[in-house]
Amino acid sequence: MKSYLGILTFVFHVLFVSGLSRNLPILSFDEGYSHLFGNDNLMVLKDGKSVHISLDERTGSGFISQDLYLHGFFSTSIKLPADYTAGVVVAFYMSNGDIFEKNHDEIDFEFLGNIRGKNWRIQTNIYGNGSTNVGREERYGLWFDPSEDFHRYSISWTEDQIVFYVDSVPIREIKRTEEMRGDFPSKPMSLYATIWDGSDWATNGGRYRVNYKYAPYIAKFSEFVLHGCAVDPLYQFKCEAAPTLDSIPSGITHEQRMKMESFRKKHMQYSYCYDHSRYKVPPSECVINAKEAERLRGFDPVTFGGAHHRGKGHHRTRSIQAKASSI
């Protein structure tokens, strides 16, 4: 049986690397998600498979999955707003902050808007067991303009590994280590998508704010994949659909790893593991890559140029409530 499941996982890897992950079930919006906030700023299109969420001077908007999931493969295609988008934050993420207020887990894709002529940036982050005092952010540019067309953003989450994908390219891998303990997300989470006003931090540390002259800012979502272990909230650690986990990627192939290393070499702009101003000693899960360290030091010698000393930094906490109430 184990051998059979291993073959299934390998086959899925081959399909995924080939860009055929679209063979996974694609749900209509109403099959998988519900309106979270934003009144009329959320619009489901007539086909039922696409949704627009928008930010204006009144409010942002967002939606939430109908189920909680314990591990799985979660994906959507997104087209971001164009033109002047400074201060705008679009997020596609997992969280259980509404259930575990003091020890929540989170896995984030955040898209950070920019001034006209500058590109959107993408940020990934994880929290486990309320570890918001340790920010695990990485930030990147992209090899395309995400406002010109739809691109697929995916999260693979297993018991021991989290991988973020852009289209079929893995851009970040987080492996669970013994030292991380509960800092690795391990409790059931919902899927969220939101658009909100992040003027205080999103663009050059808050230097450029949302300009509502350009509103509404509209983020378009389609091709929803919720392929994981749905759990009953009353029995949160009991999977109702465990067999679906057989086809979740459990590792990165050699070809994928080469693509990931190429992406990180060309597009990574920030990694918490090398931020000496925040962490004099890198957090335990960090695997220091000398070439990454050298490149980031050249990119920003103030942030990435310090020597190692003992100490701890601080991090801005953003719960689900903050994402909604800050609008």
C-alpha atoms as a PDB file:
ATOM      1  CA  MET A   1       0.000   0.000   0.000  1.00  0.00           C
ATOM      2  CA  LYS A   2       2.810   2.412   0.917  1.00  0.00           C
ATOM      3  CA  SER A   3       4.502   1.725  -2.412  1.00  0.00           C
ATOM      4  CA  TYR A   4       1.252   2.430  -4.259  1.00  0.00           C
ATOM      5  CA  LEU A   5       0.768   5.737  -2.445  1.00  0.00           C
ATOM      6  CA  GLY A   6       4.362   6.662  -3.202  1.00  0.00           C
ATOM      7  CA  ILE A   7       3.716   6.107  -6.914  1.00  0.00           C
ATOM      8  CA  LEU A   8       0.630   8.325  -6.730  1.00  0.00           C
ATOM      9  CA  THR A   9       2.650  11.093  -5.107  1.00  0.00           C
ATOM     10  CA  PHE A  10       5.394  10.797  -7.716  1.00  0.00           C
ATOM     11  CA  VAL A  11       2.870  10.911 -10.561  1.00  0.00           C
ATOM     12  CA  PHE A  12       1.350  14.025  -9.066  1.00  0.00           C
ATOM     13  CA  HIS A  13       4.807  15.622  -8.970  1.00  0.00           C
ATOM     14  CA  VAL A  14       5.321  14.905 -12.654  1.00  0.00           C
ATOM     15  CA  LEU A  15       1.941  16.396 -13.514  1.00  0.00           C
ATOM     16  CA  PHE A  16       2.581  19.426 -11.341  1.00  0.00           C
ATOM     17  CA  VAL A  17       5.997  20.146 -12.812  1.00  0.00           C
ATOM     18  CA  SER A  18       4.440  19.895 -16.246  1.00  0.00           C
ATOM     19  CA  GLY A  19       1.968  22.627 -15.327  1.00  0.00           C
ATOM     20  CA  LEU A  20      -0.985  20.241 -15.252  1.00  0.00           C
ATOM     21  CA  SER A  21      -2.090  20.913 -11.674  1.00  0.00           C
ATOM     22  CA  ARG A  22      -5.269  22.278 -13.227  1.00  0.00           C
ATOM     23  CA  ASN A  23      -6.385  18.630 -13.383  1.00  0.00           C
ATOM     24  CA  LEU A  24      -7.204  18.985  -9.698  1.00  0.00           C
ATOM     25  CA  PRO A  25     -10.869  19.786  -9.047  1.00  0.00           C
ATOM     26  CA  ILE A  26     -11.658  23.465  -9.643  1.00  0.00           C
ATOM     27  CA  LEU A  27     -14.568  24.655  -7.550  1.00  0.00           C
ATOM     28  CA  SER A  28     -17.099  27.355  -8.165  1.00  0.00           C
ATOM     29  CA  PHE A  29     -16.953  30.179  -5.629  1.00  0.00           C
ATOM     30  CA  ASP A  30     -20.122  29.050  -3.823  1.00  0.00           C
ATOM     31  CA  GLU A  31     -18.863  25.459  -3.566  1.00  0.00           C
ATOM     32  CA  GLY A  32     -15.777  26.436  -1.614  1.00  0.00           C
ATOM     33  CA  TYR A  33     -16.019  29.958  -0.247  1.00  0.00           C
ATOM     34  CA  SER A  34     -18.312  32.462   1.488  1.00  0.00           C
ATOM     35  CA  HIS A  35     -18.396  36.249   1.705  1.00  0.00           C
ATOM     36  CA  LEU A  36     -16.294  37.494   4.650  1.00  0.00           C
ATOM     37  CA  PHE A  37     -16.611  41.299   4.681  1.00  0.00           C
ATOM     38  CA  GLY A  38     -16.959  44.290   2.399  1.00  0.00           C
ATOM     39  CA  ASN A  39     -20.665  44.445   1.508  1.00  0.00           C
ATOM     40  CA  ASP A  40     -21.011  45.121  -2.220  1.00  0.00           C
ATOM     41  CA  ASN A  41     -17.252  45.244  -2.741  1.00  0.00           C
ATOM     42  CA  LEU A  42     -17.334  41.507  -3.399  1.00  0.00           C
ATOM     43  CA  MET A  43     -18.890  40.473  -6.721  1.00  0.00           C
ATOM     44  CA  VAL A  44     -19.316  36.901  -7.948  1.00  0.00           C
ATOM     45  CA  LEU A  45     -19.349  36.789 -11.747  1.00  0.00           C
ATOM     46  CA  LYS A  46     -22.146  35.103 -13.709  1.00  0.00           C
ATOM     47  CA  ASP A  47     -20.059  32.005 -14.418  1.00  0.00           C
ATOM     48  CA  GLY A  48     -19.906  31.383 -10.655  1.00  0.00           C
ATOM     49  CA  LYS A  49     -16.209  30.519 -10.916  1.00  0.00           C
ATOM     50  CA  SER A  50     -14.698  33.987 -10.659  1.00  0.00           C
ATOM     51  CA  VAL A  51     -14.963  36.742  -8.068  1.00  0.00           C
ATOM     52  CA  HIS A  52     -13.846  40.355  -7.847  1.00  0.00           C
ATOM     53  CA  ILE A  53     -12.963  41.958  -4.520  1.00  0.00           C
ATOM     54  CA  SER A  54     -12.334  45.680  -4.314  1.00  0.00           C
ATOM     55  CA  LEU A  55     -11.009  48.430  -2.070  1.00  0.00           C
ATOM     56  CA  ASP A  56     -12.445  51.932  -2.032  1.00  0.00           C
ATOM     57  CA  GLU A  57     -12.594  54.785   0.493  1.00  0.00           C
ATOM     58  CA  ARG A  58     -15.428  52.989   2.349  1.00  0.00           C
ATOM     59  CA  THR A  59     -14.031  49.505   2.821  1.00  0.00           C
ATOM     60  CA  GLY A  60     -12.020  46.627   1.455  1.00  0.00           C
ATOM     61  CA  SER A  61     -13.451  43.152   1.040  1.00  0.00           C
ATOM     62  CA  GLY A  62     -12.699  39.480   1.340  1.00  0.00           C
ATOM     63  CA  PHE A  63     -13.908  35.894   1.390  1.00  0.00           C
ATOM     64  CA  ILE A  64     -13.279  32.744   3.448  1.00  0.00           C
ATOM     65  CA  SER A  65     -13.387  29.010   2.779  1.00  0.00           C
ATOM     66  CA  GLN A  66     -16.427  27.151   4.061  1.00  0.00           C
ATOM     67  CA  ASP A  67     -14.244  24.390   5.546  1.00  0.00           C
ATOM     68  CA  LEU A  68     -11.222  24.197   7.793  1.00  0.00           C
ATOM     69  CA  TYR A  69      -8.306  22.166   6.430  1.00  0.00           C
ATOM     70  CA  LEU A  70      -5.507  20.221   8.070  1.00  0.00           C
ATOM     71  CA  HIS A  71      -2.849  20.064   5.321  1.00  0.00           C
ATOM     72  CA  GLY A  72      -3.479  20.116   1.600  1.00  0.00           C
ATOM     73  CA  PHE A  73      -2.842  21.882  -1.702  1.00  0.00           C
ATOM     74  CA  PHE A  74      -4.587  25.254  -2.089  1.00  0.00           C
ATOM     75  CA  SER A  75      -4.498  27.429  -5.150  1.00  0.00           C
ATOM     76  CA  THR A  76      -6.117  30.277  -7.037  1.00  0.00           C
ATOM     77  CA  SER A  77      -5.434  32.446 -10.068  1.00  0.00           C
ATOM     78  CA  ILE A  78      -5.220  36.182  -9.383  1.00  0.00           C
ATOM     79  CA  LYS A  79      -5.084  39.311 -11.507  1.00  0.00           C
ATOM     80  CA  LEU A  80      -4.023  42.335  -9.454  1.00  0.00           C
ATOM     81  CA  PRO A  81      -5.082  45.996  -9.856  1.00  0.00           C
ATOM     82  CA  ALA A  82      -3.054  48.118 -12.282  1.00  0.00           C
ATOM     83  CA  ASP A  83      -1.697  51.676 -12.320  1.00  0.00           C
ATOM     84  CA  TYR A  84      -1.039  53.451  -8.999  1.00  0.00           C
ATOM     85  CA  THR A  85      -1.468  50.855  -6.228  1.00  0.00           C
ATOM     86  CA  ALA A  86       0.753  52.160  -3.399  1.00  0.00           C
ATOM     87  CA  GLY A  87      -0.473  51.064   0.027  1.00  0.00           C
ATOM     88  CA  VAL A  88      -2.820  48.414  -1.393  1.00  0.00           C
ATOM     89  CA  VAL A  89      -2.454  44.894   0.020  1.00  0.00           C
ATOM     90  CA  VAL A  90      -4.031  41.835  -1.581  1.00  0.00           C
ATOM     91  CA  ALA A  91      -3.693  38.635   0.455  1.00  0.00           C
ATOM     92  CA  PHE A  92      -4.312  34.949  -0.213  1.00  0.00           C
ATOM     93  CA  TYR A  93      -3.585  33.090   2.990  1.00  0.00           C
ATOM     94  CA  MET A  94      -4.450  30.446   5.563  1.00  0.00           C
ATOM     95  CA  SER A  95      -5.214  31.219   9.195  1.00  0.00           C
ATOM     96  CA  ASN A  96      -7.053  30.052  12.284  1.00  0.00           C
ATOM     97  CA  GLY A  97      -6.912  33.373  14.124  1.00  0.00           C
ATOM     98  CA  ASP A  98     -10.686  33.417  14.567  1.00  0.00           C
ATOM     99  CA  ILE A  99     -10.466  30.157  16.570  1.00  0.00           C
ATOM    100  CA  PHE A 100      -7.079  30.403  18.277  1.00  0.00           C
ATOM    101  CA  GLU A 101      -6.769  34.093  19.121  1.00  0.00           C
ATOM    102  CA  LYS A 102      -3.601  33.798  21.205  1.00  0.00           C
ATOM    103  CA  ASN A 103      -1.834  30.915  19.491  1.00  0.00           C
ATOM    104  CA  HIS A 104      -2.946  31.051  15.878  1.00  0.00           C
ATOM    105  CA  ASP A 105      -1.158  29.657  12.812  1.00  0.00           C
ATOM    106  CA  GLU A 106      -0.863  31.411   9.470  1.00  0.00           C
ATOM    107  CA  ILE A 107       0.576  30.835   5.984  1.00  0.00           C
ATOM    108  CA  ASP A 108       0.585  34.001   3.857  1.00  0.00           C
ATOM    109  CA  PHE A 109       0.831  35.211   0.307  1.00  0.00           C
ATOM    110  CA  GLU A 110       0.704  39.027   0.413  1.00  0.00           C
ATOM    111  CA  PHE A 111       0.878  41.234  -2.661  1.00  0.00           C
ATOM    112  CA  LEU A 112       2.164  44.742  -1.998  1.00  0.00           C
ATOM    113  CA  GLY A 113       1.141  47.552  -4.335  1.00  0.00           C
ATOM    114  CA  ASN A 114       3.458  50.278  -5.580  1.00  0.00           C
ATOM    115  CA  ILE A 115       3.647  53.741  -7.110  1.00  0.00           C
ATOM    116  CA  ARG A 116       3.115  54.158 -10.852  1.00  0.00           C
ATOM    117  CA  GLY A 117       5.989  52.743 -12.848  1.00  0.00           C
ATOM    118  CA  LYS A 118       7.094  50.393 -10.050  1.00  0.00           C
ATOM    119  CA  ASN A 119       6.192  46.735  -9.891  1.00  0.00           C
ATOM    120  CA  TRP A 120       4.051  44.875  -7.388  1.00  0.00           C
ATOM    121  CA  ARG A 121       6.038  42.896  -4.827  1.00  0.00           C
ATOM    122  CA  ILE A 122       5.098  39.560  -3.336  1.00  0.00           C
ATOM    123  CA  GLN A 123       5.663  38.598   0.304  1.00  0.00           C
ATOM    124  CA  THR A 124       5.402  35.197   1.971  1.00  0.00           C
ATOM    125  CA  ASN A 125       5.249  34.561   5.704  1.00  0.00           C
ATOM    126  CA  ILE A 126       4.359  31.877   8.254  1.00  0.00           C
ATOM    127  CA  TYR A 127       3.416  31.858  11.926  1.00  0.00           C
ATOM    128  CA  GLY A 128       2.888  28.891  14.195  1.00  0.00           C
ATOM    129  CA  ASN A 129       1.293  28.744  17.603  1.00  0.00           C
ATOM    130  CA  GLY A 130       1.058  32.532  17.900  1.00  0.00           C
ATOM    131  CA  SER A 131       4.755  33.097  17.126  1.00  0.00           C
ATOM    132  CA  THR A 132       4.071  36.578  15.720  1.00  0.00           C
ATOM    133  CA  ASN A 133       7.086  38.013  17.550  1.00  0.00           C
ATOM    134  CA  VAL A 134       9.201  36.143  14.997  1.00  0.00           C
ATOM    135  CA  GLY A 135       8.497  37.427  11.504  1.00  0.00           C
ATOM    136  CA  ARG A 136       9.402  34.904   8.837  1.00  0.00           C
ATOM    137  CA  GLU A 137       8.908  37.168   5.841  1.00  0.00           C
ATOM    138  CA  GLU A 138      10.510  36.859   2.454  1.00  0.00           C
ATOM    139  CA  ARG A 139       9.895  39.418  -0.286  1.00  0.00           C
ATOM    140  CA  TYR A 140      10.391  39.137  -4.029  1.00  0.00           C
ATOM    141  CA  GLY A 141       9.934  40.789  -7.351  1.00  0.00           C
ATOM    142  CA  LEU A 142       8.268  38.838 -10.163  1.00  0.00           C
ATOM    143  CA  TRP A 143       9.281  38.007 -13.727  1.00  0.00           C
ATOM    144  CA  PHE A 144       5.949  39.292 -15.048  1.00  0.00           C
ATOM    145  CA  ASP A 145       3.445  42.082 -14.411  1.00  0.00           C
ATOM    146  CA  PRO A 146       0.743  40.489 -12.203  1.00  0.00           C
ATOM    147  CA  SER A 147      -1.760  43.187 -13.202  1.00  0.00           C
ATOM    148  CA  GLU A 148      -1.696  42.264 -16.895  1.00  0.00           C
ATOM    149  CA  ASP A 149      -3.073  38.730 -16.659  1.00  0.00           C
ATOM    150  CA  PHE A 150      -4.038  35.938 -14.270  1.00  0.00           C
ATOM    151  CA  HIS A 151      -1.284  33.904 -12.610  1.00  0.00           C
ATOM    152  CA  ARG A 152      -1.623  30.952 -10.275  1.00  0.00           C
ATOM    153  CA  TYR A 153      -0.479  31.156  -6.642  1.00  0.00           C
ATOM    154  CA  SER A 154      -0.396  27.950  -4.605  1.00  0.00           C
ATOM    155  CA  ILE A 155       0.356  26.690  -1.108  1.00  0.00           C
ATOM    156  CA  SER A 156       1.343  23.089  -0.425  1.00  0.00           C
ATOM    157  CA  TRP A 157       1.152  22.295   3.295  1.00  0.00           C
ATOM    158  CA  THR A 158       2.031  18.915   4.776  1.00  0.00           C
ATOM    159  CA  GLU A 159       2.983  17.804   8.270  1.00  0.00           C
ATOM    160  CA  ASP A 160       6.665  18.506   7.620  1.00  0.00           C
ATOM    161  CA  GLN A 161       6.861  21.041   4.801  1.00  0.00           C
ATOM    162  CA  ILE A 162       5.329  24.185   3.322  1.00  0.00           C
ATOM    163  CA  VAL A 163       6.016  25.209  -0.274  1.00  0.00           C
ATOM    164  CA  PHE A 164       4.860  28.410  -1.987  1.00  0.00           C
ATOM    165  CA  TYR A 165       4.424  28.291  -5.771  1.00  0.00           C
ATOM    166  CA  VAL A 166       3.961  30.979  -8.419  1.00  0.00           C
ATOM    167  CA  ASP A 167       2.532  29.307 -11.513  1.00  0.00           C
ATOM    168  CA  SER A 168       4.479  26.006 -11.536  1.00  0.00           C
ATOM    169  CA  VAL A 169       7.623  27.469  -9.934  1.00  0.00           C
ATOM    170  CA  PRO A 170       8.330  26.852  -6.234  1.00  0.00           C
ATOM    171  CA  ILE A 171       9.628  30.098  -4.750  1.00  0.00           C
ATOM    172  CA  ARG A 172      10.048  29.127  -1.100  1.00  0.00           C
ATOM    173  CA  GLU A 173      10.311  25.954   0.970  1.00  0.00           C
ATOM    174  CA  ILE A 174       9.938  25.770   4.761  1.00  0.00           C
ATOM    175  CA  LYS A 175      10.843  22.453   6.365  1.00  0.00           C
ATOM    176  CA  ARG A 176       9.713  21.646   9.871  1.00  0.00           C
ATOM    177  CA  THR A 177      12.668  21.330  12.231  1.00  0.00           C
ATOM    178  CA  GLU A 178      12.808  19.928  15.744  1.00  0.00           C
ATOM    179  CA  GLU A 179      13.876  23.342  17.024  1.00  0.00           C
ATOM    180  CA  MET A 180      10.797  25.062  15.581  1.00  0.00           C
ATOM    181  CA  ARG A 181       8.457  22.974  17.719  1.00  0.00           C
ATOM    182  CA  GLY A 182       5.021  24.657  17.619  1.00  0.00           C
ATOM    183  CA  ASP A 183       6.273  27.516  15.454  1.00  0.00           C
ATOM    184  CA  PHE A 184       5.467  25.348  12.428  1.00  0.00           C
ATOM    185  CA  PRO A 185       1.759  25.673  11.510  1.00  0.00           C
ATOM    186  CA  SER A 186       0.040  22.532  12.721  1.00  0.00           C
ATOM    187  CA  LYS A 187      -3.618  23.319  13.491  1.00  0.00           C
ATOM    188  CA  PRO A 188      -6.550  23.347  11.029  1.00  0.00           C
ATOM    189  CA  MET A 189      -6.905  26.573   9.059  1.00  0.00           C
ATOM    190  CA  SER A 190      -9.340  28.344   6.768  1.00  0.00           C
ATOM    191  CA  LEU A 191      -8.412  29.895   3.409  1.00  0.00           C
ATOM    192  CA  TYR A 192      -8.869  33.642   3.019  1.00  0.00           C
ATOM    193  CA  ALA A 193      -8.574  36.249   0.287  1.00  0.00           C
ATOM    194  CA  THR A 194      -8.694  39.959   1.122  1.00  0.00           C
ATOM    195  CA  ILE A 195      -7.908  43.389  -0.240  1.00  0.00           C
ATOM    196  CA  TRP A 196      -7.232  46.137   2.278  1.00  0.00           C
ATOM    197  CA  ASP A 197      -5.484  49.429   3.049  1.00  0.00           C
ATOM    198  CA  GLY A 198      -1.934  48.836   4.242  1.00  0.00           C
ATOM    199  CA  SER A 199      -0.823  52.442   3.909  1.00  0.00           C
ATOM    200  CA  ASP A 200       1.112  52.405   7.188  1.00  0.00           C
ATOM    201  CA  TRP A 201       3.660  49.823   6.008  1.00  0.00           C
ATOM    202  CA  ALA A 202       3.102  48.241   2.581  1.00  0.00           C
ATOM    203  CA  THR A 203       4.977  50.649   0.257  1.00  0.00           C
ATOM    204  CA  ASN A 204       8.399  51.919   1.332  1.00  0.00           C
ATOM    205  CA  GLY A 205       7.525  51.485   4.985  1.00  0.00           C
ATOM    206  CA  GLY A 206       4.443  53.693   4.717  1.00  0.00           C
ATOM    207  CA  ARG A 207       6.022  56.515   2.739  1.00  0.00           C
ATOM    208  CA  TYR A 208       3.480  56.085  -0.054  1.00  0.00           C
ATOM    209  CA  ARG A 209      -0.148  55.647   0.977  1.00  0.00           C
ATOM    210  CA  VAL A 210      -3.325  54.563  -0.804  1.00  0.00           C
ATOM    211  CA  ASN A 211      -4.616  57.309  -3.081  1.00  0.00           C
ATOM    212  CA  TYR A 212      -8.357  56.831  -3.420  1.00  0.00           C
ATOM    213  CA  LYS A 213      -8.400  58.985  -6.520  1.00  0.00           C
ATOM    214  CA  TYR A 214      -7.515  55.729  -8.297  1.00  0.00           C
ATOM    215  CA  ALA A 215     -10.169  53.638  -6.537  1.00  0.00           C
ATOM    216  CA  PRO A 216     -11.796  51.233  -6.779  1.00  0.00           C
ATOM    217  CA  TYR A 217      -8.848  48.874  -6.679  1.00  0.00           C
ATOM    218  CA  ILE A 218     -10.109  45.531  -7.998  1.00  0.00           C
ATOM    219  CA  ALA A 219      -8.412  42.148  -7.472  1.00  0.00           C
ATOM    220  CA  LYS A 220      -9.780  39.331  -9.629  1.00  0.00           C
ATOM    221  CA  PHE A 221      -9.774  35.682  -8.496  1.00  0.00           C
ATOM    222  CA  SER A 222     -10.612  32.478 -10.376  1.00  0.00           C
ATOM    223  CA  GLU A 223      -9.770  28.742 -10.629  1.00  0.00           C
ATOM    224  CA  PHE A 224     -10.209  27.866  -6.967  1.00  0.00           C
ATOM    225  CA  VAL A 225      -8.524  24.664  -5.772  1.00  0.00           C
ATOM    226  CA  LEU A 226      -9.195  23.476  -2.215  1.00  0.00           C
ATOM    227  CA  HIS A 227      -7.587  20.049  -2.274  1.00  0.00           C
ATOM    228  CA  GLY A 228      -6.942  18.955   1.276  1.00  0.00           C
ATOM    229  CA  CYS A 229      -8.108  17.331   4.448  1.00  0.00           C
ATOM    230  CA  ALA A 230     -11.338  19.049   5.509  1.00  0.00           C
ATOM    231  CA  VAL A 231     -11.977  18.796   9.228  1.00  0.00           C
ATOM    232  CA  ASP A 232     -15.051  19.070  11.410  1.00  0.00           C
ATOM    233  CA  PRO A 233     -14.723  22.111  13.725  1.00  0.00           C
ATOM    234  CA  LEU A 234     -16.050  19.971  16.583  1.00  0.00           C
ATOM    235  CA  TYR A 235     -13.305  17.390  16.013  1.00  0.00           C
ATOM    236  CA  GLN A 236     -10.621  19.630  14.620  1.00  0.00           C
ATOM    237  CA  PHE A 237      -7.865  17.096  14.185  1.00  0.00           C
ATOM    238  CA  LYS A 238      -9.929  14.372  12.538  1.00  0.00           C
ATOM    239  CA  CYS A 239      -9.774  14.413   8.743  1.00  0.00           C
ATOM    240  CA  GLU A 240     -12.986  13.778   6.860  1.00  0.00           C
ATOM    241  CA  ALA A 241     -11.249  13.249   3.529  1.00  0.00           C
ATOM    242  CA  ALA A 242      -7.830  11.785   4.310  1.00  0.00           C
ATOM    243  CA  PRO A 243      -7.403  10.008   0.940  1.00  0.00           C
ATOM    244  CA  THR A 244      -7.094  13.372  -0.831  1.00  0.00           C
ATOM    245  CA  LEU A 245      -3.740  13.837   0.904  1.00  0.00           C
ATOM    246  CA  ASP A 246      -2.203  11.108  -1.262  1.00  0.00           C
ATOM    247  CA  SER A 247      -1.770  13.595  -4.102  1.00  0.00           C
ATOM    248  CA  ILE A 248      -0.291  16.502  -2.148  1.00  0.00           C
ATOM    249  CA  PRO A 249       3.319  17.202  -3.202  1.00  0.00           C
ATOM    250  CA  SER A 250       5.621  15.913  -0.448  1.00  0.00           C
ATOM    251  CA  GLY A 251       8.848  17.329  -1.758  1.00  0.00           C
ATOM    252  CA  ILE A 252      10.530  19.355  -4.491  1.00  0.00           C
ATOM    253  CA  THR A 253      11.950  17.589  -7.514  1.00  0.00           C
ATOM    254  CA  HIS A 254      15.440  18.334  -8.825  1.00  0.00           C
ATOM    255  CA  GLU A 255      13.993  20.308 -11.750  1.00  0.00           C
ATOM    256  CA  GLN A 256      11.755  22.329  -9.438  1.00  0.00           C
ATOM    257  CA  ARG A 257      14.633  23.051  -7.072  1.00  0.00           C
ATOM    258  CA  MET A 258      16.718  24.419  -9.921  1.00  0.00           C
ATOM    259  CA  LYS A 259      13.840  26.717 -10.884  1.00  0.00           C
ATOM    260  CA  MET A 260      13.438  27.822  -7.274  1.00  0.00           C
ATOM    261  CA  GLU A 261      17.131  28.608  -6.898  1.00  0.00           C
ATOM    262  CA  SER A 262      17.071  30.588 -10.136  1.00  0.00           C
ATOM    263  CA  PHE A 263      14.013  32.547  -9.002  1.00  0.00           C
ATOM    264  CA  ARG A 264      15.518  33.353  -5.627  1.00  0.00           C
ATOM    265  CA  LYS A 265      18.803  34.433  -7.188  1.00  0.00           C
ATOM    266  CA  LYS A 266      17.076  36.829  -9.573  1.00  0.00           C
ATOM    267  CA  HIS A 267      14.072  38.072  -7.607  1.00  0.00           C
ATOM    268  CA  MET A 268      14.438  37.753  -3.831  1.00  0.00           C
ATOM    269  CA  GLN A 269      14.686  41.192  -2.210  1.00  0.00           C
ATOM    270  CA  TYR A 270      14.347  40.359   1.476  1.00  0.00           C
ATOM    271  CA  SER A 271      14.679  37.355   3.784  1.00  0.00           C
ATOM    272  CA  TYR A 272      14.314  37.425   7.545  1.00  0.00           C
ATOM    273  CA  CYS A 273      17.115  34.859   7.856  1.00  0.00           C
ATOM    274  CA  TYR A 274      19.672  37.461   6.767  1.00  0.00           C
ATOM    275  CA  ASP A 275      18.199  40.523   8.507  1.00  0.00           C
ATOM    276  CA  HIS A 276      20.864  41.305  11.104  1.00  0.00           C
ATOM    277  CA  SER A 277      19.013  44.409  12.261  1.00  0.00           C
ATOM    278  CA  ARG A 278      16.181  42.176  13.547  1.00  0.00           C
ATOM    279  CA  TYR A 279      17.855  38.873  14.331  1.00  0.00           C
ATOM    280  CA  LYS A 280      21.437  38.918  15.556  1.00  0.00           C
ATOM    281  CA  VAL A 281      21.228  35.135  15.493  1.00  0.00           C
ATOM    282  CA  PRO A 282      19.086  33.676  12.662  1.00  0.00           C
ATOM    283  CA  PRO A 283      16.039  31.691  13.844  1.00  0.00           C
ATOM    284  CA  SER A 284      16.686  27.976  14.214  1.00  0.00           C
ATOM    285  CA  GLU A 285      14.987  26.883  10.987  1.00  0.00           C
ATOM    286  CA  CYS A 286      17.131  29.156   8.790  1.00  0.00           C
ATOM    287  CA  VAL A 287      19.557  27.458   6.427  1.00  0.00           C
ATOM    288  CA  ILE A 288      22.106  30.127   5.547  1.00  0.00           C
ATOM    289  CA  ASN A 289      23.138  30.186   1.909  1.00  0.00           C
ATOM    290  CA  ALA A 290      26.403  32.099   1.451  1.00  0.00           C
ATOM    291  CA  LYS A 291      25.509  33.214  -2.082  1.00  0.00           C
ATOM    292  CA  GLU A 292      22.067  34.476  -0.979  1.00  0.00           C
ATOM    293  CA  ALA A 293      23.683  36.320   1.923  1.00  0.00           C
ATOM    294  CA  GLU A 294      26.230  37.989  -0.351  1.00  0.00           C
ATOM    295  CA  ARG A 295      23.636  39.045  -2.918  1.00  0.00           C
ATOM    296  CA  LEU A 296      21.264  40.493  -0.309  1.00  0.00           C
ATOM    297  CA  ARG A 297      24.178  42.308   1.358  1.00  0.00           C
ATOM    298  CA  GLY A 298      24.883  44.010  -1.951  1.00  0.00           C
ATOM    299  CA  PHE A 299      21.182  44.811  -2.375  1.00  0.00           C
ATOM    300  CA  ASP A 300      20.851  46.379   1.109  1.00  0.00           C
ATOM    301  CA  PRO A 301      24.097  46.563   3.123  1.00  0.00           C
ATOM    302  CA  VAL A 302      22.421  48.254   6.106  1.00  0.00           C
ATOM    303  CA  THR A 303      19.838  45.501   6.664  1.00  0.00           C
ATOM    304  CA  PHE A 304      21.928  42.526   5.600  1.00  0.00           C
ATOM    305  CA  GLY A 305      25.467  43.643   6.400  1.00  0.00           C
ATOM    306  CA  GLY A 306      25.700  43.265  10.192  1.00  0.00           C
ATOM    307  CA  ALA A 307      27.694  40.721  12.140  1.00  0.00           C
ATOM    308  CA  HIS A 308      26.054  37.943  14.163  1.00  0.00           C
ATOM    309  CA  HIS A 309      25.336  38.798  17.815  1.00  0.00           C
ATOM    310  CA  ARG A 310      22.834  37.411  20.283  1.00  0.00           C
ATOM    311  CA  GLY A 311      19.494  39.095  20.618  1.00  0.00           C
ATOM    312  CA  LYS A 312      15.970  39.248  19.269  1.00  0.00           C
ATOM    313  CA  GLY A 313      14.089  41.575  16.999  1.00  0.00           C
ATOM    314  CA  HIS A 314      10.436  42.532  16.807  1.00  0.00           C
ATOM    315  CA  HIS A 315       7.733  42.084  14.235  1.00  0.00           C
ATOM    316  CA  ARG A 316       4.511  43.773  13.268  1.00  0.00           C
ATOM    317  CA  THR A 317       1.562  41.533  14.202  1.00  0.00           C
ATOM    318  CA  ARG A 318      -1.318  41.221  11.759  1.00  0.00           C
ATOM    319  CA  SER A 319      -4.269  39.053  12.710  1.00  0.00           C
ATOM    320  CA  ILE A 320      -7.330  38.484  10.573  1.00  0.00           C
ATOM    321  CA  GLN A 321      -9.108  41.105  12.634  1.00  0.00           C
ATOM    322  CA  ALA A 322      -6.369  43.652  11.957  1.00  0.00           C
ATOM    323  CA  LYS A 323      -6.515  42.955   8.233  1.00  0.00           C
ATOM    324  CA  ALA A 324     -10.230  43.688   8.183  1.00  0.00           C
ATOM    325  CA  SER A 325     -10.447  46.458  10.781  1.00  0.00           C
ATOM    326  CA  SER A 326      -7.543  48.457   9.347  1.00  0.00           C
ATOM    327  CA  ILE A 327      -9.597  49.224   6.247  1.00  0.00           C
END
